[in-house]
Amino acid sequence: MTASHLPSHNPPFQQQLESALNHYKAGQLTVAAAVCQQVLQQQPDVVEAIALLGRIAEQLGHHEAAAHYLLQVAKLRPDSAETYNLLGNALQRLRKFAESVSCYQRAIALQPNFPGAYNNLGSALQELGRYQASVLCYQKALQLRPDYADAYYNLGNNYRHQDNLEAARRAYAQAIALDPNFTLAYNNLGLTLADMGKPEEAIPWYERAIALQPDNADAHQNLGLALLQLGDLETGFWEYEWRWRAMGPDNRPPRPFPQPLWDGSDLHGQTILLHAEQGYGDTLQFVRYAALVAAKGGRVLLECQPALTRLLATLPHVAQVIPAGDP
């Protein structure tokens, strides 16, 4: 999603509003919000103060509050395309995609040559599964603004969702050509190449994403998977440890065990818990390494999916099998 500046006029309370805006630009969001509230206590319909409160709320991640303020602005300034665009963004972050579509459409009706609104409309339509309509919106945004890297990136995401991998690859490459610091585009170009069965070609793109943003957990995790596919187990598993910090839909936070992680040293009869982390296939693939843990002197407890407990209870090196979810 993209945002543009809210409409600006020369209202009363200009000095206070300028002070609030300066605090906002300096990152002093609480102070800026307090100044805006002071203005609104004196005159409740000062649009600039309400609009800035909306922007502050959005930046703080308070999307409900942002939508509330921006809706007030839209009622006071129904001819402001930029306000409807920003309101659509807030609604999208609340996953109210149908409502956000209406806002972007209103913005476009008010300002037909608004590339940001077309790009954001495409994003909302894509979330609703309307992929073809979404593509048309991105293409319109690019027609209006050919150097729009975000629109190429979103177009790439759309094509990738539709398994049109070559088109996705081209779109991500174009986004990178326009914005060489576009970390997400590097990562997703790598993912697309991996989806095409080219993990060796994906690796340099993940590495570029990491060079730009060293703490990008998704890029590290994806690099780990590519290295594992190519047989580089040591580096691959090391990079794959970043999965605990990644934000993908399949990622889970690490479980807060009070006991320390095993460092690989001899266990001398201590009990160690091995627990399934992903799907059935991964459990069956990696449970064979319980024998290596036992060889280090460990008493192995195995927690796995309930459907696998009877099967895995037959393993010779496992002392006890616990169904996941049991208290």
Protein backbone atom coordinates (compact mmCIF):
# COMPACT_ATOMS: atom_id res chain seq x y z
CA MET A 1 0.00 0.00 0.00
CA THR A 2 1.10 3.54 -0.57
CA ALA A 3 0.14 6.82 1.05
CA SER A 4 0.29 10.39 -0.10
CA HIS A 5 0.08 13.61 1.86
CA LEU A 6 -3.19 14.73 3.32
CA PRO A 7 -4.74 17.93 1.93
CA SER A 8 -3.38 21.05 3.52
CA HIS A 9 -5.03 24.42 3.94
CA ASN A 10 -4.37 27.46 6.10
CA PRO A 11 -6.75 26.92 8.98
CA PRO A 12 -6.95 28.66 12.33
CA PHE A 13 -4.51 27.32 14.93
CA GLN A 14 -1.82 27.34 12.24
CA GLN A 15 0.99 27.76 14.76
CA GLN A 16 -0.18 24.82 16.87
CA LEU A 17 -0.67 22.65 13.81
CA GLU A 18 2.81 23.46 12.54
CA SER A 19 4.17 22.57 15.97
CA ALA A 20 2.30 19.25 15.90
CA LEU A 21 3.60 18.48 12.42
CA ASN A 22 7.18 19.29 13.42
CA HIS A 23 6.91 16.97 16.42
CA TYR A 24 5.46 14.28 14.13
CA LYS A 25 8.33 14.63 11.67
CA ALA A 26 10.80 14.40 14.57
CA GLY A 27 9.23 11.12 15.66
CA GLN A 28 7.71 12.67 18.80
CA LEU A 29 4.34 11.10 18.15
CA THR A 30 2.89 11.41 21.65
CA VAL A 31 3.68 15.12 21.80
CA ALA A 32 2.27 15.68 18.31
CA ALA A 33 -0.94 13.86 19.25
CA ALA A 34 -1.29 15.93 22.44
CA VAL A 35 -1.01 19.18 20.47
CA CYS A 36 -3.65 17.97 18.01
CA GLN A 37 -5.96 17.09 20.87
CA GLN A 38 -5.49 20.57 22.34
CA VAL A 39 -6.56 22.07 19.02
CA LEU A 40 -9.62 19.84 18.82
CA GLN A 41 -10.66 20.74 22.35
CA GLN A 42 -10.92 24.33 21.16
CA GLN A 43 -12.51 23.52 17.79
CA PRO A 44 -13.55 19.89 17.13
CA ASP A 45 -13.67 20.08 13.32
CA VAL A 46 -10.13 21.19 12.50
CA VAL A 47 -9.45 18.75 9.69
CA GLU A 48 -5.67 19.02 9.76
CA ALA A 49 -5.54 18.02 13.43
CA ILE A 50 -7.86 15.04 12.89
CA ALA A 51 -5.89 13.96 9.83
CA LEU A 52 -2.58 14.10 11.68
CA LEU A 53 -4.06 12.05 14.52
CA GLY A 54 -5.03 9.48 11.90
CA ARG A 55 -1.51 9.40 10.56
CA ILE A 56 -0.05 9.07 14.06
CA ALA A 57 -2.45 6.24 14.94
CA GLU A 58 -1.53 4.41 11.73
CA GLN A 59 2.18 4.75 12.44
CA LEU A 60 1.67 3.39 15.96
CA GLY A 61 -0.23 0.41 14.56
CA HIS A 62 -3.55 1.58 16.01
CA HIS A 63 -5.46 0.86 12.82
CA GLU A 64 -8.95 1.08 14.31
CA ALA A 65 -8.19 4.56 15.62
CA ALA A 66 -6.61 5.55 12.30
CA ALA A 67 -9.71 4.47 10.40
CA HIS A 68 -11.90 6.37 12.88
CA TYR A 69 -9.98 9.62 12.41
CA LEU A 70 -9.70 9.29 8.64
CA LEU A 71 -13.42 8.60 8.34
CA GLN A 72 -14.02 11.88 10.16
CA VAL A 73 -11.73 13.64 7.69
CA ALA A 74 -13.56 12.07 4.75
CA LYS A 75 -16.88 13.35 6.09
CA LEU A 76 -15.47 16.85 6.51
CA ARG A 77 -13.62 16.81 3.16
CA PRO A 78 -15.64 14.47 0.91
CA ASP A 79 -13.77 15.75 -2.14
CA SER A 80 -10.32 14.60 -0.92
CA ALA A 81 -9.05 11.64 -2.94
CA GLU A 82 -5.96 11.38 -0.75
CA THR A 83 -8.06 10.97 2.39
CA TYR A 84 -10.05 8.10 0.86
CA ASN A 85 -6.79 6.47 -0.20
CA LEU A 86 -5.41 6.65 3.33
CA LEU A 87 -8.69 5.43 4.80
CA GLY A 88 -8.52 2.47 2.43
CA ASN A 89 -5.02 1.70 3.68
CA ALA A 90 -6.18 1.70 7.31
CA LEU A 91 -9.11 -0.57 6.45
CA GLN A 92 -6.81 -2.94 4.55
CA ARG A 93 -4.60 -3.30 7.60
CA LEU A 94 -7.75 -4.20 9.52
CA ARG A 95 -8.39 -6.84 6.83
CA LYS A 96 -11.61 -5.08 5.85
CA PHE A 97 -10.80 -5.52 2.20
CA ALA A 98 -14.25 -4.97 0.71
CA GLU A 99 -14.56 -1.66 2.56
CA SER A 100 -11.07 -0.63 1.49
CA VAL A 101 -11.99 -1.35 -2.15
CA SER A 102 -14.87 1.12 -1.88
CA CYS A 103 -12.51 3.77 -0.49
CA TYR A 104 -9.96 3.34 -3.27
CA GLN A 105 -12.70 3.42 -5.89
CA ARG A 106 -13.96 6.67 -4.39
CA ALA A 107 -10.43 8.09 -4.49
CA ILE A 108 -10.10 7.16 -8.16
CA ALA A 109 -13.50 8.65 -8.98
CA LEU A 110 -12.33 11.92 -7.43
CA GLN A 111 -8.85 11.76 -9.00
CA PRO A 112 -8.76 9.45 -12.04
CA ASN A 113 -4.99 9.74 -12.52
CA PHE A 114 -4.05 8.57 -9.00
CA PRO A 115 -1.46 5.77 -9.38
CA GLY A 116 -1.24 5.11 -5.63
CA ALA A 117 -4.96 4.48 -5.35
CA TYR A 118 -4.86 2.07 -8.31
CA ASN A 119 -1.94 0.21 -6.74
CA ASN A 120 -3.71 -0.03 -3.39
CA LEU A 121 -6.96 -1.07 -5.04
CA GLY A 122 -5.03 -3.86 -6.75
CA SER A 123 -3.67 -5.00 -3.38
CA ALA A 124 -7.15 -5.11 -1.81
CA LEU A 125 -8.66 -6.95 -4.79
CA GLN A 126 -5.82 -9.46 -4.64
CA GLU A 127 -6.61 -10.15 -0.99
CA LEU A 128 -10.20 -10.85 -2.07
CA GLY A 129 -8.94 -13.36 -4.64
CA ARG A 130 -9.85 -11.17 -7.61
CA TYR A 131 -6.50 -11.65 -9.30
CA GLN A 132 -7.33 -10.56 -12.83
CA ALA A 133 -8.99 -7.34 -11.67
CA SER A 134 -5.97 -6.78 -9.44
CA VAL A 135 -3.57 -7.13 -12.38
CA LEU A 136 -5.51 -4.49 -14.32
CA CYS A 137 -5.17 -2.08 -11.40
CA TYR A 138 -1.40 -2.57 -11.16
CA GLN A 139 -1.07 -2.12 -14.90
CA LYS A 140 -3.08 1.11 -14.73
CA ALA A 141 -0.87 2.35 -11.90
CA LEU A 142 2.21 1.61 -14.04
CA GLN A 143 0.67 3.30 -17.05
CA LEU A 144 0.24 6.44 -14.95
CA ARG A 145 3.64 6.08 -13.27
CA PRO A 146 6.09 3.85 -15.18
CA ASP A 147 8.76 4.05 -12.45
CA TYR A 148 6.45 2.70 -9.73
CA ALA A 149 8.54 -0.04 -8.08
CA ASP A 150 5.86 -0.94 -5.53
CA ALA A 151 3.33 -1.63 -8.29
CA TYR A 152 5.79 -3.96 -10.06
CA TYR A 153 6.42 -5.73 -6.74
CA ASN A 154 2.69 -6.18 -6.09
CA LEU A 155 2.23 -7.37 -9.66
CA GLY A 156 4.95 -9.95 -9.04
CA ASN A 157 3.16 -11.14 -5.92
CA ASN A 158 -0.06 -11.48 -7.90
CA TYR A 159 1.57 -13.52 -10.65
CA ARG A 160 3.31 -15.72 -8.10
CA HIS A 161 -0.01 -16.47 -6.38
CA GLN A 162 -1.32 -17.56 -9.78
CA ASP A 163 1.79 -19.72 -10.43
CA ASN A 164 2.70 -17.51 -13.39
CA LEU A 165 6.31 -17.70 -12.26
CA GLU A 166 8.07 -16.28 -15.30
CA ALA A 167 5.83 -13.20 -15.25
CA ALA A 168 6.46 -12.88 -11.50
CA ARG A 169 10.21 -13.11 -12.06
CA ARG A 170 10.09 -10.30 -14.64
CA ALA A 171 7.97 -8.09 -12.39
CA TYR A 172 10.29 -8.48 -9.39
CA ALA A 173 13.32 -7.84 -11.59
CA GLN A 174 11.71 -4.63 -12.84
CA ALA A 175 10.96 -3.53 -9.26
CA ILE A 176 14.62 -4.06 -8.36
CA ALA A 177 15.81 -2.20 -11.45
CA LEU A 178 13.73 0.79 -10.35
CA ASP A 179 14.65 0.49 -6.66
CA PRO A 180 17.97 -1.31 -6.05
CA ASN A 181 17.33 -1.24 -2.27
CA PHE A 182 13.99 -3.07 -2.46
CA THR A 183 14.71 -5.86 0.03
CA LEU A 184 11.32 -7.56 -0.28
CA ALA A 185 11.65 -7.76 -4.05
CA TYR A 186 15.06 -9.46 -3.78
CA ASN A 187 13.63 -12.02 -1.37
CA ASN A 188 10.55 -12.71 -3.48
CA LEU A 189 12.58 -12.98 -6.66
CA GLY A 190 14.60 -15.65 -4.86
CA LEU A 191 11.40 -17.42 -3.82
CA THR A 192 10.13 -17.35 -7.39
CA LEU A 193 13.34 -18.90 -8.71
CA ALA A 194 13.12 -21.54 -5.98
CA ASP A 195 9.53 -22.24 -7.03
CA MET A 196 10.86 -22.69 -10.57
CA GLY A 197 13.22 -25.40 -9.30
CA LYS A 198 16.31 -23.16 -9.43
CA PRO A 199 17.56 -22.93 -5.82
CA GLU A 200 21.11 -22.20 -6.97
CA GLU A 201 19.86 -19.12 -8.84
CA ALA A 202 17.73 -18.07 -5.86
CA ILE A 203 20.64 -17.93 -3.42
CA PRO A 204 22.29 -14.70 -4.71
CA TRP A 205 18.97 -12.85 -4.42
CA TYR A 206 18.47 -13.95 -0.82
CA GLU A 207 22.05 -12.90 -0.09
CA ARG A 208 21.40 -9.46 -1.58
CA ALA A 209 18.29 -9.09 0.57
CA ILE A 210 20.36 -9.99 3.64
CA ALA A 211 23.13 -7.58 2.65
CA LEU A 212 20.55 -4.79 2.57
CA GLN A 213 18.78 -5.93 5.74
CA PRO A 214 20.94 -8.29 7.82
CA ASP A 215 18.13 -9.11 10.26
CA ASN A 216 15.63 -10.11 7.55
CA ALA A 217 14.53 -13.44 9.00
CA ASP A 218 12.49 -14.45 5.95
CA ALA A 219 15.47 -14.08 3.62
CA HIS A 220 17.71 -16.03 6.01
CA GLN A 221 15.14 -18.82 6.30
CA ASN A 222 14.69 -18.99 2.53
CA LEU A 223 18.45 -19.03 2.03
CA GLY A 224 18.65 -21.92 4.48
CA LEU A 225 16.05 -23.92 2.56
CA ALA A 226 17.86 -23.34 -0.74
CA LEU A 227 21.19 -24.43 0.75
CA LEU A 228 19.58 -27.55 2.23
CA GLN A 229 18.14 -28.41 -1.18
CA LEU A 230 21.63 -28.17 -2.62
CA GLY A 231 23.12 -30.40 0.08
CA ASP A 232 24.92 -27.74 2.14
CA LEU A 233 23.52 -29.08 5.39
CA GLU A 234 25.73 -27.26 7.88
CA THR A 235 25.19 -23.74 6.53
CA GLY A 236 21.64 -24.55 5.50
CA PHE A 237 20.53 -25.60 8.98
CA TRP A 238 22.36 -22.64 10.50
CA GLU A 239 20.43 -20.23 8.27
CA TYR A 240 17.20 -22.14 8.79
CA GLU A 241 17.38 -21.35 12.51
CA TRP A 242 16.07 -17.90 11.49
CA ARG A 243 12.66 -19.51 10.95
CA TRP A 244 11.87 -18.78 14.59
CA ARG A 245 11.90 -15.07 13.77
CA ALA A 246 10.31 -15.26 10.32
CA MET A 247 6.79 -13.93 9.72
CA GLY A 248 5.38 -16.35 7.16
CA PRO A 249 2.01 -18.08 7.64
CA ASP A 250 3.72 -21.43 8.35
CA ASN A 251 6.07 -20.03 10.97
CA ARG A 252 5.50 -20.48 14.67
CA PRO A 253 7.20 -18.77 17.60
CA PRO A 254 9.64 -20.94 19.55
CA ARG A 255 8.07 -22.75 22.47
CA PRO A 256 9.16 -21.28 25.82
CA PHE A 257 10.76 -24.31 27.43
CA PRO A 258 12.54 -23.50 30.71
CA GLN A 259 15.24 -26.07 29.89
CA PRO A 260 18.16 -25.02 27.68
CA LEU A 261 18.54 -26.12 24.08
CA TRP A 262 20.86 -29.07 23.62
CA ASP A 263 24.31 -28.03 22.44
CA GLY A 264 25.23 -31.45 21.03
CA SER A 265 27.49 -32.49 23.91
CA ASP A 266 27.28 -35.89 25.65
CA LEU A 267 24.11 -36.23 27.71
CA HIS A 268 25.26 -38.82 30.29
CA GLY A 269 21.78 -40.20 30.87
CA GLN A 270 19.93 -36.89 30.87
CA THR A 271 16.45 -36.75 29.33
CA ILE A 272 16.01 -34.79 26.11
CA LEU A 273 12.76 -33.82 24.41
CA LEU A 274 12.51 -34.02 20.62
CA HIS A 275 9.32 -32.39 19.38
CA ALA A 276 7.71 -32.24 15.95
CA GLU A 277 7.74 -28.75 14.52
CA GLN A 278 6.19 -29.02 11.07
CA GLY A 279 4.26 -31.60 9.01
CA TYR A 280 4.01 -35.38 9.04
CA GLY A 281 6.64 -35.76 6.33
CA ASP A 282 9.21 -33.74 8.26
CA THR A 283 8.51 -35.72 11.42
CA LEU A 284 9.01 -39.05 9.64
CA GLN A 285 12.10 -37.76 7.84
CA PHE A 286 13.93 -36.49 10.91
CA VAL A 287 12.82 -38.86 13.67
CA ARG A 288 15.53 -41.29 12.56
CA TYR A 289 18.05 -38.96 14.18
CA ALA A 290 16.67 -39.94 17.60
CA ALA A 291 19.19 -42.79 17.40
CA LEU A 292 22.04 -40.26 17.26
CA VAL A 293 20.70 -38.52 20.37
CA ALA A 294 20.49 -41.84 22.18
CA ALA A 295 24.06 -42.59 21.12
CA LYS A 296 25.10 -39.40 22.93
CA GLY A 297 23.73 -40.91 26.14
CA GLY A 298 20.34 -39.25 26.09
CA ARG A 299 17.00 -40.65 27.22
CA VAL A 300 14.72 -39.55 24.37
CA LEU A 301 11.19 -38.30 24.85
CA LEU A 302 9.45 -37.75 21.52
CA GLU A 303 6.48 -35.42 21.10
CA CYS A 304 4.74 -35.83 17.75
CA GLN A 305 1.40 -35.50 15.97
CA PRO A 306 -1.22 -37.73 17.66
CA ALA A 307 -1.77 -39.70 14.44
CA LEU A 308 1.88 -40.81 14.47
CA THR A 309 2.21 -41.86 18.11
CA ARG A 310 1.49 -45.58 17.62
CA LEU A 311 3.89 -45.83 14.70
CA LEU A 312 6.74 -43.95 16.36
CA ALA A 313 6.31 -45.79 19.66
CA THR A 314 7.94 -48.78 17.93
CA LEU A 315 11.25 -46.94 17.49
CA PRO A 316 14.02 -48.64 19.48
CA HIS A 317 15.79 -45.49 20.68
CA VAL A 318 12.74 -43.61 22.00
CA ALA A 319 11.87 -44.04 25.68
CA GLN A 320 8.43 -42.44 25.47
CA VAL A 321 6.17 -40.94 22.79
CA ILE A 322 3.88 -38.07 23.76
CA PRO A 323 0.99 -36.89 21.54
CA ALA A 324 1.26 -33.15 20.81
CA GLY A 325 -1.33 -31.22 22.78
CA ASP A 326 -1.39 -33.57 25.76
CA PRO A 327 -1.14 -31.68 29.07
